[in-house]
ModelCIF file with pLDDT and N, C-alpha, C, O atoms, coordinates in Angstrom:
data_MODEL
#
_entry.id   MODEL 
#
_entity.id                         1 
_entity.type                       polymer 
_entity.pdbx_number_of_molecules   1 
#
_entity_poly.entity_id                      1 
_entity_poly.type                           'polypeptide(L)' 
_entity_poly.nstd_linkage                   no 
_entity_poly.nstd_monomer                   no 
_entity_poly.pdbx_seq_one_letter_code       PDNINDGRMDNVFWLCCVLGSANFIYYLVFSSLYKYKNM 
_entity_poly.pdbx_seq_one_letter_code_can   PDNINDGRMDNVFWLCCVLGSANFIYYLVFSSLYKYKNM 
_entity_poly.pdbx_strand_id                 A 
#
loop_
_entity_poly_seq.entity_id 
_entity_poly_seq.num 
_entity_poly_seq.mon_id 
_entity_poly_seq.hetero 
1 1  PRO n 
1 2  ASP n 
1 3  ASN n 
1 4  ILE n 
1 5  ASN n 
1 6  ASP n 
1 7  GLY n 
1 8  ARG n 
1 9  MET n 
1 10 ASP n 
1 11 ASN n 
1 12 VAL n 
1 13 PHE n 
1 14 TRP n 
1 15 LEU n 
1 16 CYS n 
1 17 CYS n 
1 18 VAL n 
1 19 LEU n 
1 20 GLY n 
1 21 SER n 
1 22 ALA n 
1 23 ASN n 
1 24 PHE n 
1 25 ILE n 
1 26 TYR n 
1 27 TYR n 
1 28 LEU n 
1 29 VAL n 
1 30 PHE n 
1 31 SER n 
1 32 SER n 
1 33 LEU n 
1 34 TYR n 
1 35 LYS n 
1 36 TYR n 
1 37 LYS n 
1 38 ASN n 
1 39 MET n 
#
_struct_asym.id          A 
_struct_asym.entity_id   1 
#
loop_
_ma_qa_metric.id 
_ma_qa_metric.mode 
_ma_qa_metric.name 
_ma_qa_metric.software_group_id 
_ma_qa_metric.type 
1 global pLDDT . pLDDT 
2 local  pLDDT . pLDDT 
#
_ma_qa_metric_global.metric_id      1 
_ma_qa_metric_global.metric_value   88.72 
_ma_qa_metric_global.model_id       1 
_ma_qa_metric_global.ordinal_id     1 
#
loop_
_ma_qa_metric_local.label_asym_id 
_ma_qa_metric_local.label_comp_id 
_ma_qa_metric_local.label_seq_id 
_ma_qa_metric_local.metric_id 
_ma_qa_metric_local.metric_value 
_ma_qa_metric_local.model_id 
_ma_qa_metric_local.ordinal_id 
A PRO 1  2 83.00 1 1  
A ASP 2  2 73.00 1 2  
A ASN 3  2 81.00 1 3  
A ILE 4  2 82.00 1 4  
A ASN 5  2 87.00 1 5  
A ASP 6  2 87.00 1 6  
A GLY 7  2 87.00 1 7  
A ARG 8  2 90.00 1 8  
A MET 9  2 89.00 1 9  
A ASP 10 2 92.00 1 10 
A ASN 11 2 94.00 1 11 
A VAL 12 2 91.00 1 12 
A PHE 13 2 94.00 1 13 
A TRP 14 2 95.00 1 14 
A LEU 15 2 94.00 1 15 
A CYS 16 2 93.00 1 16 
A CYS 17 2 94.00 1 17 
A VAL 18 2 95.00 1 18 
A LEU 19 2 94.00 1 19 
A GLY 20 2 93.00 1 20 
A SER 21 2 95.00 1 21 
A ALA 22 2 95.00 1 22 
A ASN 23 2 95.00 1 23 
A PHE 24 2 95.00 1 24 
A ILE 25 2 96.00 1 25 
A TYR 26 2 95.00 1 26 
A TYR 27 2 95.00 1 27 
A LEU 28 2 95.00 1 28 
A VAL 29 2 95.00 1 29 
A PHE 30 2 93.00 1 30 
A SER 31 2 92.00 1 31 
A SER 32 2 91.00 1 32 
A LEU 33 2 90.00 1 33 
A TYR 34 2 90.00 1 34 
A LYS 35 2 86.00 1 35 
A TYR 36 2 82.00 1 36 
A LYS 37 2 75.00 1 37 
A ASN 38 2 59.00 1 38 
A MET 39 2 58.00 1 39 
#
loop_
_atom_site.group_PDB 
_atom_site.id 
_atom_site.type_symbol 
_atom_site.label_atom_id 
_atom_site.label_alt_id 
_atom_site.label_comp_id 
_atom_site.label_asym_id 
_atom_site.label_entity_id 
_atom_site.label_seq_id 
_atom_site.pdbx_PDB_ins_code 
_atom_site.Cartn_x 
_atom_site.Cartn_y 
_atom_site.Cartn_z 
_atom_site.occupancy 
_atom_site.B_iso_or_equiv 
_atom_site.pdbx_formal_charge 
_atom_site.auth_seq_id 
_atom_site.auth_comp_id 
_atom_site.auth_asym_id 
_atom_site.auth_atom_id 
_atom_site.pdbx_PDB_model_num 
ATOM 1   N N  . PRO A 1 1  ? 3.154  21.516  -0.946 1.00 83.00 ? 1  PRO A N  1 
ATOM 2   C CA . PRO A 1 1  ? 3.690  22.798  -0.475 1.00 83.00 ? 1  PRO A CA 1 
ATOM 3   C C  . PRO A 1 1  ? 3.098  23.142  0.885  1.00 83.00 ? 1  PRO A C  1 
ATOM 4   O O  . PRO A 1 1  ? 2.194  22.456  1.362  1.00 83.00 ? 1  PRO A O  1 
ATOM 5   N N  . ASP A 1 2  ? 3.610  24.214  1.518  1.00 73.00 ? 2  ASP A N  1 
ATOM 6   C CA . ASP A 1 2  ? 3.073  24.628  2.820  1.00 73.00 ? 2  ASP A CA 1 
ATOM 7   C C  . ASP A 1 2  ? 1.594  24.974  2.721  1.00 73.00 ? 2  ASP A C  1 
ATOM 8   O O  . ASP A 1 2  ? 0.825  24.700  3.643  1.00 73.00 ? 2  ASP A O  1 
ATOM 9   N N  . ASN A 1 3  ? 1.197  25.572  1.608  1.00 81.00 ? 3  ASN A N  1 
ATOM 10  C CA . ASN A 1 3  ? -0.221 25.845  1.358  1.00 81.00 ? 3  ASN A CA 1 
ATOM 11  C C  . ASN A 1 3  ? -0.752 24.740  0.456  1.00 81.00 ? 3  ASN A C  1 
ATOM 12  O O  . ASN A 1 3  ? -0.478 24.731  -0.744 1.00 81.00 ? 3  ASN A O  1 
ATOM 13  N N  . ILE A 1 4  ? -1.514 23.806  1.029  1.00 82.00 ? 4  ILE A N  1 
ATOM 14  C CA . ILE A 1 4  ? -1.946 22.644  0.256  1.00 82.00 ? 4  ILE A CA 1 
ATOM 15  C C  . ILE A 1 4  ? -2.914 23.019  -0.861 1.00 82.00 ? 4  ILE A C  1 
ATOM 16  O O  . ILE A 1 4  ? -3.153 22.209  -1.757 1.00 82.00 ? 4  ILE A O  1 
ATOM 17  N N  . ASN A 1 5  ? -3.479 24.235  -0.828 1.00 87.00 ? 5  ASN A N  1 
ATOM 18  C CA . ASN A 1 5  ? -4.346 24.667  -1.919 1.00 87.00 ? 5  ASN A CA 1 
ATOM 19  C C  . ASN A 1 5  ? -3.566 24.868  -3.207 1.00 87.00 ? 5  ASN A C  1 
ATOM 20  O O  . ASN A 1 5  ? -4.153 24.908  -4.288 1.00 87.00 ? 5  ASN A O  1 
ATOM 21  N N  . ASP A 1 6  ? -2.252 24.995  -3.103 1.00 87.00 ? 6  ASP A N  1 
ATOM 22  C CA . ASP A 1 6  ? -1.413 25.165  -4.284 1.00 87.00 ? 6  ASP A CA 1 
ATOM 23  C C  . ASP A 1 6  ? -0.761 23.855  -4.718 1.00 87.00 ? 6  ASP A C  1 
ATOM 24  O O  . ASP A 1 6  ? 0.025  23.844  -5.665 1.00 87.00 ? 6  ASP A O  1 
ATOM 25  N N  . GLY A 1 7  ? -1.078 22.743  -4.035 1.00 87.00 ? 7  GLY A N  1 
ATOM 26  C CA . GLY A 1 7  ? -0.416 21.480  -4.320 1.00 87.00 ? 7  GLY A CA 1 
ATOM 27  C C  . GLY A 1 7  ? -1.312 20.456  -4.976 1.00 87.00 ? 7  GLY A C  1 
ATOM 28  O O  . GLY A 1 7  ? -2.373 20.790  -5.505 1.00 87.00 ? 7  GLY A O  1 
ATOM 29  N N  . ARG A 1 8  ? -0.883 19.207  -4.941 1.00 90.00 ? 8  ARG A N  1 
ATOM 30  C CA . ARG A 1 8  ? -1.658 18.092  -5.502 1.00 90.00 ? 8  ARG A CA 1 
ATOM 31  C C  . ARG A 1 8  ? -1.627 16.923  -4.510 1.00 90.00 ? 8  ARG A C  1 
ATOM 32  O O  . ARG A 1 8  ? -1.056 15.869  -4.786 1.00 90.00 ? 8  ARG A O  1 
ATOM 33  N N  . MET A 1 9  ? -2.251 17.137  -3.360 1.00 89.00 ? 9  MET A N  1 
ATOM 34  C CA . MET A 1 9  ? -2.274 16.090  -2.344 1.00 89.00 ? 9  MET A CA 1 
ATOM 35  C C  . MET A 1 9  ? -2.999 14.848  -2.842 1.00 89.00 ? 9  MET A C  1 
ATOM 36  O O  . MET A 1 9  ? -2.755 13.751  -2.340 1.00 89.00 ? 9  MET A O  1 
ATOM 37  N N  . ASP A 1 10 ? -3.886 15.003  -3.822 1.00 92.00 ? 10 ASP A N  1 
ATOM 38  C CA . ASP A 1 10 ? -4.571 13.835  -4.362 1.00 92.00 ? 10 ASP A CA 1 
ATOM 39  C C  . ASP A 1 10 ? -3.581 12.861  -4.983 1.00 92.00 ? 10 ASP A C  1 
ATOM 40  O O  . ASP A 1 10 ? -3.770 11.647  -4.908 1.00 92.00 ? 10 ASP A O  1 
ATOM 41  N N  . ASN A 1 11 ? -2.512 13.396  -5.604 1.00 94.00 ? 11 ASN A N  1 
ATOM 42  C CA . ASN A 1 11 ? -1.484 12.520  -6.166 1.00 94.00 ? 11 ASN A CA 1 
ATOM 43  C C  . ASN A 1 11 ? -0.729 11.745  -5.084 1.00 94.00 ? 11 ASN A C  1 
ATOM 44  O O  . ASN A 1 11 ? -0.283 10.621  -5.313 1.00 94.00 ? 11 ASN A O  1 
ATOM 45  N N  . VAL A 1 12 ? -0.589 12.363  -3.893 1.00 91.00 ? 12 VAL A N  1 
ATOM 46  C CA . VAL A 1 12 ? 0.060  11.672  -2.779 1.00 91.00 ? 12 VAL A CA 1 
ATOM 47  C C  . VAL A 1 12 ? -0.774 10.463  -2.369 1.00 91.00 ? 12 VAL A C  1 
ATOM 48  O O  . VAL A 1 12 ? -0.235 9.388   -2.109 1.00 91.00 ? 12 VAL A O  1 
ATOM 49  N N  . PHE A 1 13 ? -2.087 10.645  -2.312 1.00 94.00 ? 13 PHE A N  1 
ATOM 50  C CA . PHE A 1 13 ? -2.965 9.529   -1.956 1.00 94.00 ? 13 PHE A CA 1 
ATOM 51  C C  . PHE A 1 13 ? -2.943 8.444   -3.032 1.00 94.00 ? 13 PHE A C  1 
ATOM 52  O O  . PHE A 1 13 ? -2.982 7.255   -2.714 1.00 94.00 ? 13 PHE A O  1 
ATOM 53  N N  . TRP A 1 14 ? -2.880 8.851   -4.320 1.00 95.00 ? 14 TRP A N  1 
ATOM 54  C CA . TRP A 1 14 ? -2.783 7.844   -5.376 1.00 95.00 ? 14 TRP A CA 1 
ATOM 55  C C  . TRP A 1 14 ? -1.460 7.086   -5.259 1.00 95.00 ? 14 TRP A C  1 
ATOM 56  O O  . TRP A 1 14 ? -1.406 5.884   -5.520 1.00 95.00 ? 14 TRP A O  1 
ATOM 57  N N  . LEU A 1 15 ? -0.397 7.786   -4.867 1.00 94.00 ? 15 LEU A N  1 
ATOM 58  C CA . LEU A 1 15 ? 0.885  7.122   -4.642 1.00 94.00 ? 15 LEU A CA 1 
ATOM 59  C C  . LEU A 1 15 ? 0.759  6.079   -3.540 1.00 94.00 ? 15 LEU A C  1 
ATOM 60  O O  . LEU A 1 15 ? 1.306  4.981   -3.646 1.00 94.00 ? 15 LEU A O  1 
ATOM 61  N N  . CYS A 1 16 ? 0.032  6.432   -2.478 1.00 93.00 ? 16 CYS A N  1 
ATOM 62  C CA . CYS A 1 16 ? -0.205 5.468   -1.392 1.00 93.00 ? 16 CYS A CA 1 
ATOM 63  C C  . CYS A 1 16 ? -0.990 4.261   -1.891 1.00 93.00 ? 16 CYS A C  1 
ATOM 64  O O  . CYS A 1 16 ? -0.761 3.137   -1.444 1.00 93.00 ? 16 CYS A O  1 
ATOM 65  N N  . CYS A 1 17 ? -1.921 4.499   -2.824 1.00 94.00 ? 17 CYS A N  1 
ATOM 66  C CA . CYS A 1 17 ? -2.685 3.394   -3.417 1.00 94.00 ? 17 CYS A CA 1 
ATOM 67  C C  . CYS A 1 17 ? -1.765 2.434   -4.160 1.00 94.00 ? 17 CYS A C  1 
ATOM 68  O O  . CYS A 1 17 ? -1.881 1.216   -4.024 1.00 94.00 ? 17 CYS A O  1 
ATOM 69  N N  . VAL A 1 18 ? -0.849 2.995   -4.947 1.00 95.00 ? 18 VAL A N  1 
ATOM 70  C CA . VAL A 1 18 ? 0.077  2.164   -5.723 1.00 95.00 ? 18 VAL A CA 1 
ATOM 71  C C  . VAL A 1 18 ? 0.975  1.362   -4.790 1.00 95.00 ? 18 VAL A C  1 
ATOM 72  O O  . VAL A 1 18 ? 1.149  0.157   -4.972 1.00 95.00 ? 18 VAL A O  1 
ATOM 73  N N  . LEU A 1 19 ? 1.548  2.037   -3.785 1.00 94.00 ? 19 LEU A N  1 
ATOM 74  C CA . LEU A 1 19 ? 2.408  1.342   -2.834 1.00 94.00 ? 19 LEU A CA 1 
ATOM 75  C C  . LEU A 1 19 ? 1.626  0.283   -2.058 1.00 94.00 ? 19 LEU A C  1 
ATOM 76  O O  . LEU A 1 19 ? 2.125  -0.816  -1.816 1.00 94.00 ? 19 LEU A O  1 
ATOM 77  N N  . GLY A 1 20 ? 0.394  0.625   -1.669 1.00 93.00 ? 20 GLY A N  1 
ATOM 78  C CA . GLY A 1 20 ? -0.438 -0.326  -0.942 1.00 93.00 ? 20 GLY A CA 1 
ATOM 79  C C  . GLY A 1 20 ? -0.802 -1.542  -1.778 1.00 93.00 ? 20 GLY A C  1 
ATOM 80  O O  . GLY A 1 20 ? -0.847 -2.661  -1.269 1.00 93.00 ? 20 GLY A O  1 
ATOM 81  N N  . SER A 1 21 ? -1.064 -1.319  -3.074 1.00 95.00 ? 21 SER A N  1 
ATOM 82  C CA . SER A 1 21 ? -1.400 -2.434  -3.965 1.00 95.00 ? 21 SER A CA 1 
ATOM 83  C C  . SER A 1 21 ? -0.208 -3.361  -4.146 1.00 95.00 ? 21 SER A C  1 
ATOM 84  O O  . SER A 1 21 ? -0.354 -4.584  -4.124 1.00 95.00 ? 21 SER A O  1 
ATOM 85  N N  . ALA A 1 22 ? 0.983  -2.771  -4.327 1.00 95.00 ? 22 ALA A N  1 
ATOM 86  C CA . ALA A 1 22 ? 2.196  -3.592  -4.446 1.00 95.00 ? 22 ALA A CA 1 
ATOM 87  C C  . ALA A 1 22 ? 2.443  -4.372  -3.160 1.00 95.00 ? 22 ALA A C  1 
ATOM 88  O O  . ALA A 1 22 ? 2.832  -5.539  -3.194 1.00 95.00 ? 22 ALA A O  1 
ATOM 89  N N  . ASN A 1 23 ? 2.212  -3.714  -2.029 1.00 95.00 ? 23 ASN A N  1 
ATOM 90  C CA . ASN A 1 23 ? 2.390  -4.378  -0.739 1.00 95.00 ? 23 ASN A CA 1 
ATOM 91  C C  . ASN A 1 23 ? 1.381  -5.514  -0.568 1.00 95.00 ? 23 ASN A C  1 
ATOM 92  O O  . ASN A 1 23 ? 1.705  -6.548  0.017  1.00 95.00 ? 23 ASN A O  1 
ATOM 93  N N  . PHE A 1 24 ? 0.159  -5.326  -1.073 1.00 95.00 ? 24 PHE A N  1 
ATOM 94  C CA . PHE A 1 24 ? -0.870 -6.360  -0.966 1.00 95.00 ? 24 PHE A CA 1 
ATOM 95  C C  . PHE A 1 24 ? -0.497 -7.589  -1.799 1.00 95.00 ? 24 PHE A C  1 
ATOM 96  O O  . PHE A 1 24 ? -0.698 -8.722  -1.362 1.00 95.00 ? 24 PHE A O  1 
ATOM 97  N N  . ILE A 1 25 ? 0.043  -7.363  -2.991 1.00 96.00 ? 25 ILE A N  1 
ATOM 98  C CA . ILE A 1 25 ? 0.489  -8.491  -3.821 1.00 96.00 ? 25 ILE A CA 1 
ATOM 99  C C  . ILE A 1 25 ? 1.606  -9.251  -3.109 1.00 96.00 ? 25 ILE A C  1 
ATOM 100 O O  . ILE A 1 25 ? 1.617  -10.481 -3.075 1.00 96.00 ? 25 ILE A O  1 
ATOM 101 N N  . TYR A 1 26 ? 2.546  -8.490  -2.541 1.00 95.00 ? 26 TYR A N  1 
ATOM 102 C CA . TYR A 1 26 ? 3.631  -9.094  -1.754 1.00 95.00 ? 26 TYR A CA 1 
ATOM 103 C C  . TYR A 1 26 ? 3.049  -9.918  -0.606 1.00 95.00 ? 26 TYR A C  1 
ATOM 104 O O  . TYR A 1 26 ? 3.499  -11.035 -0.348 1.00 95.00 ? 26 TYR A O  1 
ATOM 105 N N  . TYR A 1 27 ? 2.040  -9.361  0.087  1.00 95.00 ? 27 TYR A N  1 
ATOM 106 C CA . TYR A 1 27 ? 1.415  -10.059 1.214  1.00 95.00 ? 27 TYR A CA 1 
ATOM 107 C C  . TYR A 1 27 ? 0.730  -11.341 0.750  1.00 95.00 ? 27 TYR A C  1 
ATOM 108 O O  . TYR A 1 27 ? 0.826  -12.373 1.415  1.00 95.00 ? 27 TYR A O  1 
ATOM 109 N N  . LEU A 1 28 ? 0.032  -11.282 -0.399 1.00 95.00 ? 28 LEU A N  1 
ATOM 110 C CA . LEU A 1 28 ? -0.659 -12.462 -0.898 1.00 95.00 ? 28 LEU A CA 1 
ATOM 111 C C  . LEU A 1 28 ? 0.318  -13.595 -1.186 1.00 95.00 ? 28 LEU A C  1 
ATOM 112 O O  . LEU A 1 28 ? 0.031  -14.759 -0.903 1.00 95.00 ? 28 LEU A O  1 
ATOM 113 N N  . VAL A 1 29 ? 1.476  -13.250 -1.751 1.00 95.00 ? 29 VAL A N  1 
ATOM 114 C CA . VAL A 1 29 ? 2.470  -14.277 -2.079 1.00 95.00 ? 29 VAL A CA 1 
ATOM 115 C C  . VAL A 1 29 ? 2.935  -14.993 -0.820 1.00 95.00 ? 29 VAL A C  1 
ATOM 116 O O  . VAL A 1 29 ? 2.926  -16.223 -0.764 1.00 95.00 ? 29 VAL A O  1 
ATOM 117 N N  . PHE A 1 30 ? 3.343  -14.231 0.191  1.00 93.00 ? 30 PHE A N  1 
ATOM 118 C CA . PHE A 1 30 ? 3.916  -14.855 1.384  1.00 93.00 ? 30 PHE A CA 1 
ATOM 119 C C  . PHE A 1 30 ? 2.846  -15.471 2.282  1.00 93.00 ? 30 PHE A C  1 
ATOM 120 O O  . PHE A 1 30 ? 3.111  -16.466 2.956  1.00 93.00 ? 30 PHE A O  1 
ATOM 121 N N  . SER A 1 31 ? 1.644  -14.899 2.302  1.00 92.00 ? 31 SER A N  1 
ATOM 122 C CA . SER A 1 31 ? 0.591  -15.509 3.127  1.00 92.00 ? 31 SER A CA 1 
ATOM 123 C C  . SER A 1 31 ? 0.121  -16.830 2.520  1.00 92.00 ? 31 SER A C  1 
ATOM 124 O O  . SER A 1 31 ? -0.265 -17.742 3.251  1.00 92.00 ? 31 SER A O  1 
ATOM 125 N N  . SER A 1 32 ? 0.149  -16.941 1.174  1.00 91.00 ? 32 SER A N  1 
ATOM 126 C CA . SER A 1 32 ? -0.254 -18.201 0.535  1.00 91.00 ? 32 SER A CA 1 
ATOM 127 C C  . SER A 1 32 ? 0.775  -19.300 0.783  1.00 91.00 ? 32 SER A C  1 
ATOM 128 O O  . SER A 1 32 ? 0.436  -20.483 0.764  1.00 91.00 ? 32 SER A O  1 
ATOM 129 N N  . LEU A 1 33 ? 2.026  -18.915 1.015  1.00 90.00 ? 33 LEU A N  1 
ATOM 130 C CA . LEU A 1 33 ? 3.090  -19.890 1.272  1.00 90.00 ? 33 LEU A CA 1 
ATOM 131 C C  . LEU A 1 33 ? 3.176  -20.290 2.742  1.00 90.00 ? 33 LEU A C  1 
ATOM 132 O O  . LEU A 1 33 ? 3.789  -21.303 3.079  1.00 90.00 ? 33 LEU A O  1 
ATOM 133 N N  . TYR A 1 34 ? 2.562  -19.493 3.611  1.00 90.00 ? 34 TYR A N  1 
ATOM 134 C CA . TYR A 1 34 ? 2.718  -19.726 5.049  1.00 90.00 ? 34 TYR A CA 1 
ATOM 135 C C  . TYR A 1 34 ? 1.837  -20.886 5.513  1.00 90.00 ? 34 TYR A C  1 
ATOM 136 O O  . TYR A 1 34 ? 0.675  -20.992 5.120  1.00 90.00 ? 34 TYR A O  1 
ATOM 137 N N  . LYS A 1 35 ? 2.401  -21.747 6.347  1.00 86.00 ? 35 LYS A N  1 
ATOM 138 C CA . LYS A 1 35 ? 1.670  -22.863 6.940  1.00 86.00 ? 35 LYS A CA 1 
ATOM 139 C C  . LYS A 1 35 ? 1.507  -22.621 8.437  1.00 86.00 ? 35 LYS A C  1 
ATOM 140 O O  . LYS A 1 35 ? 2.492  -22.458 9.158  1.00 86.00 ? 35 LYS A O  1 
ATOM 141 N N  . TYR A 1 36 ? 0.255  -22.598 8.901  1.00 82.00 ? 36 TYR A N  1 
ATOM 142 C CA . TYR A 1 36 ? -0.001 -22.387 10.324 1.00 82.00 ? 36 TYR A CA 1 
ATOM 143 C C  . TYR A 1 36 ? 0.583  -23.543 11.134 1.00 82.00 ? 36 TYR A C  1 
ATOM 144 O O  . TYR A 1 36 ? 0.547  -24.700 10.715 1.00 82.00 ? 36 TYR A O  1 
ATOM 145 N N  . LYS A 1 37 ? 1.117  -23.201 12.296 1.00 75.00 ? 37 LYS A N  1 
ATOM 146 C CA . LYS A 1 37 ? 1.581  -24.262 13.196 1.00 75.00 ? 37 LYS A CA 1 
ATOM 147 C C  . LYS A 1 37 ? 0.614  -24.488 14.348 1.00 75.00 ? 37 LYS A C  1 
ATOM 148 O O  . LYS A 1 37 ? 0.647  -25.543 14.981 1.00 75.00 ? 37 LYS A O  1 
ATOM 149 N N  . ASN A 1 38 ? -0.255 -23.504 14.635 1.00 59.00 ? 38 ASN A N  1 
ATOM 150 C CA . ASN A 1 38 ? -1.227 -23.611 15.735 1.00 59.00 ? 38 ASN A CA 1 
ATOM 151 C C  . ASN A 1 38 ? -2.574 -23.135 15.236 1.00 59.00 ? 38 ASN A C  1 
ATOM 152 O O  . ASN A 1 38 ? -2.970 -22.004 15.517 1.00 59.00 ? 38 ASN A O  1 
ATOM 153 N N  . MET A 1 39 ? -3.285 -23.971 14.505 1.00 58.00 ? 39 MET A N  1 
ATOM 154 C CA . MET A 1 39 ? -4.534 -23.520 13.896 1.00 58.00 ? 39 MET A CA 1 
ATOM 155 C C  . MET A 1 39 ? -5.690 -24.342 14.404 1.00 58.00 ? 39 MET A C  1 
ATOM 156 O O  . MET A 1 39 ? -6.833 -24.114 14.006 1.00 58.00 ? 39 MET A O  1 
#
């Protein structure tokens, strides 16, 4: 809400944690498949 004292911003951060964790799993899958061409 406009007044964050009446809201649950902590849940927004937990949502970011969930999205970030899913994104990290996605990253692990594709980074493990990637082969460097200039290493």
